[in-house]
N, C-alpha and C. Protein backbone atom coordinates (compact mmCIF):
# COMPACT_ATOMS: atom_id res chain seq x y z
N UNK A 1 155.51 22.17 -151.80
CA UNK A 1 154.93 23.38 -152.45
C UNK A 1 155.41 24.72 -151.47
N UNK A 2 155.85 25.66 -152.34
CA UNK A 2 156.48 26.99 -151.86
C UNK A 2 155.45 27.48 -150.76
N UNK A 3 156.03 28.52 -149.99
CA UNK A 3 155.14 29.11 -149.17
C UNK A 3 154.33 30.00 -149.85
N UNK A 4 153.17 30.77 -149.35
CA UNK A 4 152.37 31.64 -149.98
C UNK A 4 152.08 32.99 -149.64
N UNK A 5 151.67 33.86 -150.31
CA UNK A 5 151.39 35.26 -149.84
C UNK A 5 150.06 35.89 -150.47
N UNK A 6 149.31 36.48 -149.75
CA UNK A 6 148.02 36.89 -150.36
C UNK A 6 148.41 37.72 -151.74
N UNK A 7 147.55 37.56 -152.74
CA UNK A 7 147.80 38.44 -154.18
C UNK A 7 146.24 38.34 -154.67
N UNK A 8 145.93 39.20 -155.41
CA UNK A 8 144.81 39.43 -156.23
C UNK A 8 145.15 39.01 -157.84
N UNK A 9 144.77 38.24 -158.68
CA UNK A 9 145.10 38.17 -159.78
C UNK A 9 143.79 38.12 -160.60
N UNK A 10 143.85 39.23 -161.53
CA UNK A 10 142.73 39.19 -162.65
C UNK A 10 143.35 38.56 -163.80
N UNK A 11 142.44 37.39 -164.02
CA UNK A 11 142.88 36.54 -165.38
C UNK A 11 142.12 37.05 -166.55
N UNK A 12 142.52 36.72 -167.85
CA UNK A 12 141.75 36.76 -168.58
C UNK A 12 140.63 35.84 -168.82
N UNK A 13 140.48 35.03 -167.91
CA UNK A 13 139.15 34.26 -167.74
C UNK A 13 138.48 34.46 -166.46
N UNK A 14 139.18 34.96 -165.44
CA UNK A 14 138.47 35.22 -164.27
C UNK A 14 139.40 36.19 -163.33
N UNK A 15 138.78 36.88 -162.11
CA UNK A 15 139.39 37.66 -161.30
C UNK A 15 139.27 36.90 -160.06
N UNK A 16 140.50 36.54 -159.41
CA UNK A 16 140.70 35.75 -158.44
C UNK A 16 141.42 36.27 -157.20
N UNK A 17 141.19 35.75 -156.05
CA UNK A 17 141.98 36.19 -154.89
C UNK A 17 142.88 34.95 -154.93
N UNK A 18 144.30 35.21 -154.82
CA UNK A 18 145.36 34.32 -154.92
C UNK A 18 146.39 34.37 -153.95
N UNK A 19 146.86 33.20 -153.56
CA UNK A 19 148.18 33.36 -152.77
C UNK A 19 149.32 33.01 -153.57
N UNK A 20 150.49 33.97 -153.22
CA UNK A 20 151.78 33.95 -154.23
C UNK A 20 152.81 33.21 -153.33
N UNK A 21 153.59 32.43 -154.11
CA UNK A 21 154.60 31.78 -153.35
C UNK A 21 155.81 32.72 -153.11
N UNK A 22 156.60 32.48 -152.20
CA UNK A 22 157.79 33.12 -151.81
C UNK A 22 158.01 33.97 -150.58
N UNK A 23 156.86 34.14 -149.86
CA UNK A 23 157.27 34.83 -148.56
C UNK A 23 157.68 33.99 -147.37
N UNK A 24 158.64 34.21 -146.63
CA UNK A 24 159.11 33.30 -145.56
C UNK A 24 158.11 33.38 -144.19
N UNK A 25 157.79 32.26 -144.16
CA UNK A 25 156.83 31.97 -142.81
C UNK A 25 155.43 32.18 -142.93
N UNK A 26 155.04 32.26 -144.23
CA UNK A 26 153.49 32.32 -144.57
C UNK A 26 153.09 30.80 -144.83
N UNK A 27 151.66 30.82 -144.71
CA UNK A 27 151.01 29.53 -144.74
C UNK A 27 151.48 28.78 -146.00
N UNK A 28 151.96 27.69 -145.82
CA UNK A 28 151.96 26.77 -147.07
C UNK A 28 150.70 26.10 -147.69
N UNK A 29 149.41 26.20 -146.94
CA UNK A 29 148.31 25.42 -147.28
C UNK A 29 147.47 26.25 -148.29
N UNK A 30 147.36 25.68 -149.52
CA UNK A 30 146.46 26.34 -150.71
C UNK A 30 145.30 26.77 -150.30
N UNK A 31 144.76 25.95 -149.44
CA UNK A 31 143.10 25.87 -148.93
C UNK A 31 142.91 26.94 -147.68
N UNK A 32 144.05 27.60 -147.15
CA UNK A 32 144.04 28.34 -146.07
C UNK A 32 143.31 29.86 -146.48
N UNK A 33 142.96 30.26 -145.42
CA UNK A 33 142.58 31.96 -145.55
C UNK A 33 141.68 32.07 -146.43
N UNK A 34 142.19 32.95 -147.59
CA UNK A 34 141.40 33.56 -148.37
C UNK A 34 140.82 32.49 -149.59
N UNK A 35 141.38 31.36 -149.81
CA UNK A 35 140.77 30.58 -150.48
C UNK A 35 139.51 29.63 -150.35
N UNK A 36 139.25 30.16 -148.94
CA UNK A 36 137.98 29.37 -148.49
C UNK A 36 138.18 28.09 -147.71
N UNK A 37 139.34 27.64 -147.45
CA UNK A 37 139.78 26.35 -146.60
C UNK A 37 139.17 26.67 -145.26
N UNK A 38 139.88 25.95 -144.29
CA UNK A 38 139.39 25.51 -142.84
C UNK A 38 139.56 26.97 -142.47
N UNK A 39 138.73 27.19 -141.13
CA UNK A 39 138.82 28.79 -140.55
C UNK A 39 139.95 28.89 -140.01
N UNK A 40 140.43 30.31 -140.24
CA UNK A 40 141.74 30.70 -139.61
C UNK A 40 141.60 30.72 -138.06
N UNK A 41 142.86 30.63 -137.49
CA UNK A 41 143.06 30.41 -136.08
C UNK A 41 142.47 31.77 -135.53
N UNK A 42 142.40 32.99 -136.02
CA UNK A 42 141.54 34.25 -135.48
C UNK A 42 140.26 33.87 -135.34
N UNK A 43 139.72 33.35 -136.55
CA UNK A 43 138.01 33.17 -136.54
C UNK A 43 137.68 32.05 -135.76
N UNK A 44 138.81 31.11 -135.15
CA UNK A 44 138.19 30.03 -134.18
C UNK A 44 138.52 30.54 -132.97
N UNK A 45 138.97 31.87 -132.55
CA UNK A 45 139.20 32.11 -131.25
C UNK A 45 140.78 32.22 -131.10
N UNK A 46 141.52 31.72 -131.69
CA UNK A 46 143.03 31.54 -131.47
C UNK A 46 143.58 33.04 -132.07
N UNK A 47 145.06 33.14 -132.11
CA UNK A 47 145.59 34.23 -132.70
C UNK A 47 145.96 33.63 -134.14
N UNK A 48 145.99 34.38 -135.21
CA UNK A 48 146.80 34.00 -136.49
C UNK A 48 147.95 33.83 -136.34
N UNK A 49 148.69 32.94 -137.20
CA UNK A 49 149.99 32.38 -137.05
C UNK A 49 150.77 33.49 -137.91
N UNK A 50 152.07 33.73 -137.49
CA UNK A 50 152.97 34.53 -138.14
C UNK A 50 152.95 34.48 -139.49
N UNK A 51 152.56 35.41 -140.40
CA UNK A 51 152.88 35.07 -141.89
C UNK A 51 151.50 34.61 -142.68
N UNK A 52 150.45 34.27 -141.78
CA UNK A 52 149.06 33.91 -142.25
C UNK A 52 148.60 34.66 -143.01
N UNK A 53 147.52 34.37 -143.88
CA UNK A 53 146.86 35.43 -144.50
C UNK A 53 146.06 36.50 -143.58
N UNK A 54 145.85 35.95 -142.38
CA UNK A 54 145.05 36.58 -141.46
C UNK A 54 146.15 37.76 -140.74
N UNK A 55 147.43 37.19 -140.53
CA UNK A 55 148.11 38.05 -140.10
C UNK A 55 148.54 39.25 -141.07
N UNK A 56 148.69 39.03 -142.32
CA UNK A 56 148.91 40.02 -143.50
C UNK A 56 147.64 41.04 -143.49
N UNK A 57 146.39 40.47 -143.37
CA UNK A 57 145.42 41.41 -143.30
C UNK A 57 145.59 42.43 -142.06
N UNK A 58 145.99 41.82 -140.95
CA UNK A 58 145.99 42.48 -139.71
C UNK A 58 147.16 43.82 -140.18
N UNK A 59 148.16 43.32 -140.57
CA UNK A 59 149.21 44.02 -140.87
C UNK A 59 149.02 45.14 -141.92
N UNK A 60 148.08 45.12 -143.02
CA UNK A 60 147.45 45.63 -143.82
C UNK A 60 146.64 46.82 -143.32
N UNK A 61 145.86 46.45 -142.53
CA UNK A 61 144.95 47.26 -141.82
C UNK A 61 145.70 48.24 -140.72
N UNK A 62 146.45 47.66 -139.98
CA UNK A 62 147.11 48.35 -139.17
C UNK A 62 148.05 49.32 -139.92
N UNK A 63 148.58 49.19 -140.81
CA UNK A 63 149.43 50.26 -141.49
C UNK A 63 148.62 51.21 -142.31
N UNK A 64 147.20 50.79 -142.65
CA UNK A 64 146.25 51.70 -143.38
C UNK A 64 146.66 51.90 -145.04
N UNK A 65 147.50 50.90 -145.30
CA UNK A 65 147.97 50.79 -146.84
C UNK A 65 147.89 49.50 -147.39
N UNK A 66 147.50 49.19 -148.54
CA UNK A 66 147.61 47.92 -149.10
C UNK A 66 148.44 48.43 -150.56
N UNK A 67 149.76 47.68 -150.43
CA UNK A 67 150.67 47.82 -151.77
C UNK A 67 150.18 46.89 -152.59
N UNK A 68 149.85 47.61 -153.92
CA UNK A 68 149.20 46.99 -155.22
C UNK A 68 150.18 47.07 -156.28
N UNK A 69 150.63 45.82 -156.58
CA UNK A 69 151.15 45.75 -157.83
C UNK A 69 150.61 45.61 -159.13
N UNK A 70 150.86 46.21 -160.14
CA UNK A 70 150.07 46.21 -161.61
C UNK A 70 150.79 46.65 -162.59
N UNK A 71 150.25 46.30 -163.79
CA UNK A 71 151.24 46.42 -165.15
C UNK A 71 150.98 47.87 -165.45
N UNK A 72 151.77 48.88 -165.80
CA UNK A 72 151.47 50.21 -166.21
C UNK A 72 151.38 50.21 -167.71
N UNK A 73 151.31 49.11 -168.54
CA UNK A 73 151.06 49.25 -169.95
C UNK A 73 150.07 48.32 -170.38
N UNK A 74 148.89 48.15 -169.77
CA UNK A 74 148.02 47.30 -170.23
C UNK A 74 146.46 47.82 -170.29
N UNK A 75 146.57 48.80 -171.00
CA UNK A 75 145.28 49.72 -171.41
C UNK A 75 144.27 48.65 -172.17
N UNK A 76 142.92 48.58 -171.74
CA UNK A 76 142.32 49.69 -170.76
C UNK A 76 142.24 49.24 -169.37
N UNK A 77 142.82 47.90 -169.08
CA UNK A 77 143.04 47.57 -167.66
C UNK A 77 143.71 48.18 -166.60
N UNK A 78 144.89 48.52 -167.05
CA UNK A 78 145.75 49.50 -166.09
C UNK A 78 146.82 50.11 -167.18
N UNK A 79 146.99 51.39 -166.93
CA UNK A 79 147.91 52.28 -167.71
C UNK A 79 148.13 53.47 -166.71
N UNK A 80 149.24 53.99 -167.07
CA UNK A 80 149.63 55.35 -166.46
C UNK A 80 149.12 56.58 -167.15
N UNK A 81 148.53 57.59 -166.50
CA UNK A 81 147.92 58.76 -167.29
C UNK A 81 149.32 59.72 -167.31
N UNK A 82 149.58 60.65 -167.98
CA UNK A 82 150.43 61.65 -168.14
C UNK A 82 150.86 62.06 -166.82
N UNK A 83 150.00 62.18 -165.77
CA UNK A 83 150.43 62.83 -164.52
C UNK A 83 151.11 61.80 -163.62
N UNK A 84 151.23 60.35 -164.10
CA UNK A 84 151.64 59.45 -163.62
C UNK A 84 150.83 58.59 -162.44
N UNK A 85 149.64 58.75 -162.54
CA UNK A 85 148.54 58.18 -161.94
C UNK A 85 147.98 57.14 -162.66
N UNK A 86 147.61 55.99 -162.14
CA UNK A 86 147.04 54.69 -162.71
C UNK A 86 145.76 55.11 -162.98
N UNK A 87 145.44 54.31 -164.15
CA UNK A 87 143.88 54.40 -164.41
C UNK A 87 143.48 53.08 -165.12
N UNK A 88 142.26 52.75 -165.07
CA UNK A 88 141.80 51.54 -165.65
C UNK A 88 141.05 50.59 -164.76
N UNK A 89 140.45 49.61 -165.24
CA UNK A 89 139.69 48.56 -164.37
C UNK A 89 140.39 48.07 -163.43
N UNK A 90 141.76 47.60 -163.83
CA UNK A 90 142.33 47.00 -162.70
C UNK A 90 142.65 47.85 -161.40
N UNK A 91 143.07 49.15 -161.92
CA UNK A 91 143.07 50.32 -160.82
C UNK A 91 141.91 50.36 -160.02
N UNK A 92 140.51 50.40 -160.69
CA UNK A 92 139.36 50.70 -160.01
C UNK A 92 139.16 49.51 -159.16
N UNK A 93 139.48 48.28 -159.51
CA UNK A 93 139.37 46.99 -158.73
C UNK A 93 140.16 47.15 -157.68
N UNK A 94 141.57 47.56 -157.61
CA UNK A 94 142.35 47.71 -156.45
C UNK A 94 141.88 48.81 -155.57
N UNK A 95 141.50 49.62 -155.84
CA UNK A 95 140.98 50.95 -155.14
C UNK A 95 139.76 50.37 -154.40
N UNK A 96 138.89 49.56 -154.94
CA UNK A 96 137.39 49.00 -154.30
C UNK A 96 137.97 48.01 -153.25
N UNK A 97 139.01 47.20 -153.40
CA UNK A 97 139.45 46.21 -152.28
C UNK A 97 140.01 47.02 -151.24
N UNK A 98 140.76 48.20 -151.67
CA UNK A 98 141.34 49.00 -150.34
C UNK A 98 140.17 49.67 -149.55
N UNK A 99 139.35 50.22 -150.44
CA UNK A 99 138.08 50.88 -149.85
C UNK A 99 137.26 49.96 -148.77
N UNK A 100 136.97 48.43 -149.16
CA UNK A 100 136.35 47.91 -148.49
C UNK A 100 137.11 47.32 -147.38
N UNK A 101 138.67 47.40 -147.45
CA UNK A 101 139.09 47.10 -146.14
C UNK A 101 139.47 48.18 -145.10
N UNK A 102 139.28 49.32 -145.78
CA UNK A 102 139.36 50.36 -144.92
C UNK A 102 140.86 51.07 -144.92
N UNK A 103 141.37 51.25 -146.09
CA UNK A 103 142.89 51.33 -146.18
C UNK A 103 142.81 52.14 -147.61
N UNK A 104 144.12 52.66 -147.91
CA UNK A 104 144.49 53.20 -149.07
C UNK A 104 145.18 52.56 -149.79
N UNK A 105 145.10 52.23 -151.36
CA UNK A 105 145.98 51.52 -152.23
C UNK A 105 147.14 52.42 -152.66
N UNK A 106 148.17 51.74 -152.50
CA UNK A 106 149.40 52.23 -152.98
C UNK A 106 149.96 51.58 -154.14
N UNK A 107 150.19 52.22 -155.17
CA UNK A 107 150.25 51.36 -156.33
C UNK A 107 151.75 51.42 -156.62
N UNK A 108 152.18 50.19 -157.23
CA UNK A 108 153.59 50.05 -157.71
C UNK A 108 153.49 49.17 -159.07
N UNK A 109 154.42 49.44 -159.85
CA UNK A 109 154.33 49.05 -161.14
C UNK A 109 155.70 48.30 -161.65
N UNK A 110 155.74 47.02 -161.08
CA UNK A 110 156.99 46.34 -161.42
C UNK A 110 156.84 45.75 -162.84
N UNK A 111 157.92 45.20 -163.36
CA UNK A 111 158.02 44.34 -164.46
C UNK A 111 156.80 43.26 -164.60
N UNK A 112 156.01 42.94 -165.42
CA UNK A 112 155.43 41.75 -165.55
C UNK A 112 155.86 40.52 -165.15
N UNK A 113 157.08 40.22 -165.44
CA UNK A 113 157.75 38.72 -165.12
C UNK A 113 157.94 38.87 -163.49
N UNK A 114 157.92 40.00 -162.87
CA UNK A 114 158.07 39.81 -161.36
C UNK A 114 156.83 39.54 -160.90
N UNK A 115 155.75 40.20 -161.17
CA UNK A 115 154.21 39.83 -160.90
C UNK A 115 154.01 38.41 -161.17
N UNK A 116 154.17 37.92 -162.21
CA UNK A 116 153.84 36.56 -162.58
C UNK A 116 154.50 35.58 -162.02
N UNK A 117 155.75 35.84 -161.69
CA UNK A 117 156.64 34.71 -160.94
C UNK A 117 156.62 34.66 -159.59
N UNK A 118 155.61 35.51 -158.92
CA UNK A 118 155.77 35.16 -157.45
C UNK A 118 157.13 35.62 -156.68
N UNK A 119 157.22 35.15 -155.69
CA UNK A 119 158.50 35.36 -154.87
C UNK A 119 158.61 37.10 -154.71
N UNK A 120 157.59 37.67 -154.23
CA UNK A 120 157.69 39.06 -154.47
C UNK A 120 158.65 39.72 -153.16
N UNK A 121 159.10 38.90 -152.12
CA UNK A 121 160.21 39.44 -151.37
C UNK A 121 159.41 40.62 -150.55
N UNK A 122 157.99 40.44 -150.12
CA UNK A 122 157.44 41.56 -149.37
C UNK A 122 157.45 43.02 -150.03
N UNK A 123 157.58 42.96 -151.38
CA UNK A 123 157.41 44.49 -152.16
C UNK A 123 156.39 44.95 -152.19
N UNK A 124 155.05 44.12 -152.34
CA UNK A 124 154.11 44.60 -152.55
C UNK A 124 153.18 43.41 -151.86
N UNK A 125 151.99 43.77 -151.31
CA UNK A 125 150.92 42.94 -150.87
C UNK A 125 149.96 42.07 -151.92
N UNK A 126 149.63 42.79 -152.94
CA UNK A 126 148.90 42.09 -153.74
C UNK A 126 149.03 42.56 -155.13
N UNK A 127 148.51 41.81 -156.03
CA UNK A 127 148.66 41.89 -157.61
C UNK A 127 147.41 42.32 -157.96
N UNK A 128 146.84 43.04 -158.71
CA UNK A 128 145.59 43.06 -159.48
C UNK A 128 145.97 43.35 -160.84
N UNK A 129 145.87 42.18 -161.78
CA UNK A 129 146.36 42.60 -163.12
C UNK A 129 145.65 41.56 -163.89
N UNK A 130 145.65 41.49 -165.48
CA UNK A 130 145.01 40.42 -166.02
C UNK A 130 146.12 39.54 -166.25
N UNK A 131 145.67 38.36 -165.83
CA UNK A 131 146.78 37.12 -166.13
C UNK A 131 145.85 35.66 -166.48
N UNK A 132 146.27 34.90 -167.44
CA UNK A 132 145.77 33.77 -167.83
C UNK A 132 145.90 32.87 -166.69
N UNK A 133 144.88 32.22 -166.41
CA UNK A 133 145.02 31.01 -165.34
C UNK A 133 145.47 29.67 -165.98
N UNK A 134 146.79 29.25 -165.53
CA UNK A 134 147.43 28.11 -166.08
C UNK A 134 147.56 27.21 -164.99
N UNK A 135 147.84 25.89 -165.30
CA UNK A 135 147.85 24.78 -164.36
C UNK A 135 149.02 25.06 -163.33
N UNK A 136 150.14 25.71 -163.86
CA UNK A 136 151.17 25.90 -163.08
C UNK A 136 150.99 27.08 -162.10
N UNK A 137 150.35 28.23 -162.68
CA UNK A 137 149.94 29.54 -161.71
C UNK A 137 148.88 28.76 -160.78
N UNK A 138 148.16 28.13 -161.12
CA UNK A 138 146.95 27.85 -160.23
C UNK A 138 147.50 26.94 -159.08
N UNK A 139 148.18 25.85 -159.39
CA UNK A 139 148.73 24.76 -158.54
C UNK A 139 149.91 24.96 -157.72
N UNK A 140 150.93 25.83 -158.52
CA UNK A 140 152.16 26.08 -157.81
C UNK A 140 152.64 27.38 -157.36
N UNK A 141 151.89 28.40 -158.05
CA UNK A 141 152.29 29.68 -157.60
C UNK A 141 151.16 30.41 -156.93
N UNK A 142 149.85 30.78 -157.45
CA UNK A 142 148.69 31.25 -156.77
C UNK A 142 147.78 30.06 -156.31
N UNK A 143 146.69 30.70 -155.61
CA UNK A 143 145.72 30.20 -154.70
C UNK A 143 144.62 30.64 -155.25
N UNK A 144 143.70 30.09 -156.35
CA UNK A 144 142.76 31.11 -157.00
C UNK A 144 141.24 30.64 -156.09
N UNK A 145 140.62 31.62 -155.78
CA UNK A 145 139.31 31.62 -155.50
C UNK A 145 138.27 31.26 -156.54
N UNK A 146 136.87 31.44 -156.26
CA UNK A 146 135.98 31.23 -156.85
C UNK A 146 136.04 32.85 -158.11
N UNK A 147 135.74 32.66 -159.39
CA UNK A 147 135.79 33.69 -160.16
C UNK A 147 134.65 34.69 -160.14
N UNK A 148 134.97 35.75 -160.10
CA UNK A 148 133.61 36.75 -160.70
C UNK A 148 134.06 37.90 -161.69
N UNK A 149 134.74 37.48 -162.64
CA UNK A 149 135.23 38.16 -163.77
C UNK A 149 135.51 37.07 -164.84
N UNK A 150 134.78 37.29 -166.06
CA UNK A 150 134.98 36.44 -167.34
C UNK A 150 135.36 37.36 -167.97
N UNK A 151 136.30 37.05 -169.13
CA UNK A 151 136.64 37.52 -170.54
C UNK A 151 136.64 36.39 -171.52
N UNK A 152 135.61 36.09 -172.34
CA UNK A 152 135.77 35.00 -173.15
C UNK A 152 136.46 35.25 -174.35
N UNK A 153 137.20 34.60 -175.05
CA UNK A 153 138.06 34.35 -176.16
C UNK A 153 137.20 34.23 -177.32
N UNK A 154 137.58 34.66 -178.46
CA UNK A 154 136.80 34.44 -179.67
C UNK A 154 137.55 34.43 -180.73
N UNK A 155 137.30 33.75 -181.62
CA UNK A 155 138.18 33.71 -183.18
C UNK A 155 137.20 33.64 -184.12
N UNK A 156 137.77 34.24 -185.27
CA UNK A 156 136.97 34.33 -186.49
C UNK A 156 138.02 34.16 -187.80
N UNK A 157 137.77 33.59 -188.86
CA UNK A 157 138.29 33.52 -190.05
C UNK A 157 137.48 33.49 -191.26
N UNK A 158 138.10 34.18 -192.13
CA UNK A 158 137.42 34.57 -193.42
C UNK A 158 137.09 33.19 -194.19
N UNK A 159 135.77 33.32 -195.02
CA UNK A 159 135.19 32.07 -195.41
C UNK A 159 136.15 31.34 -196.36
N UNK A 160 136.91 31.87 -196.93
CA UNK A 160 137.85 30.96 -197.96
C UNK A 160 139.03 30.80 -197.36
N UNK A 161 139.14 30.82 -195.93
CA UNK A 161 140.52 30.28 -195.24
C UNK A 161 140.72 28.63 -195.26
N UNK A 162 139.62 28.00 -195.51
CA UNK A 162 140.03 26.76 -195.49
C UNK A 162 139.77 26.08 -194.06
N UNK A 163 139.48 26.76 -193.10
CA UNK A 163 139.43 26.44 -191.64
C UNK A 163 137.92 26.36 -191.32
N UNK A 164 137.44 24.92 -190.87
CA UNK A 164 136.17 25.00 -190.75
C UNK A 164 135.94 24.38 -189.52
N UNK A 165 136.82 24.21 -188.55
CA UNK A 165 136.86 23.61 -187.14
C UNK A 165 137.53 24.26 -186.26
N UNK A 166 137.33 24.06 -184.97
CA UNK A 166 138.52 24.44 -183.87
C UNK A 166 139.79 23.67 -184.20
N UNK A 167 139.64 22.67 -184.50
CA UNK A 167 141.00 21.68 -184.81
C UNK A 167 141.69 22.40 -185.93
N UNK A 168 141.10 22.93 -186.81
CA UNK A 168 141.75 23.41 -188.12
C UNK A 168 142.37 24.83 -187.57
N UNK A 169 142.11 25.43 -186.62
CA UNK A 169 142.97 26.63 -186.00
C UNK A 169 144.17 26.23 -185.55
């Protein structure tokens, strides 16, 4: 499994703290750190390993900035206002994360494929943006935590469509 880096992913089904593949020297354990696995070295009295989730958190706090990647064209979740600043639910969530960490959110707006693909090459620390949870993303790219955001999907058809079941869709 590839190495991982801390990320936040908002899914169309849930908001999750995730670990993104791609950083050199990062923890390869999908259950380490943010995802609720075994206690970190720092929590158990040792020092965090280089590139571990605890090391990244220490770096973010030391720098006073968390670099956030989000989609610039996904209103109302995230979009750019005419003055170039971001607005929307994802922006609000990222700002709240930064506030609770005692740092400032610095927003970046890469292409969606860059966010989704992982291998961020240390360009940003987290991503806050709507993304559907898939088995590949969950098992190979991101390390999801317990959800705290849900967006249920709904479908409807006109009466004379002939569709009478989910299988018919």
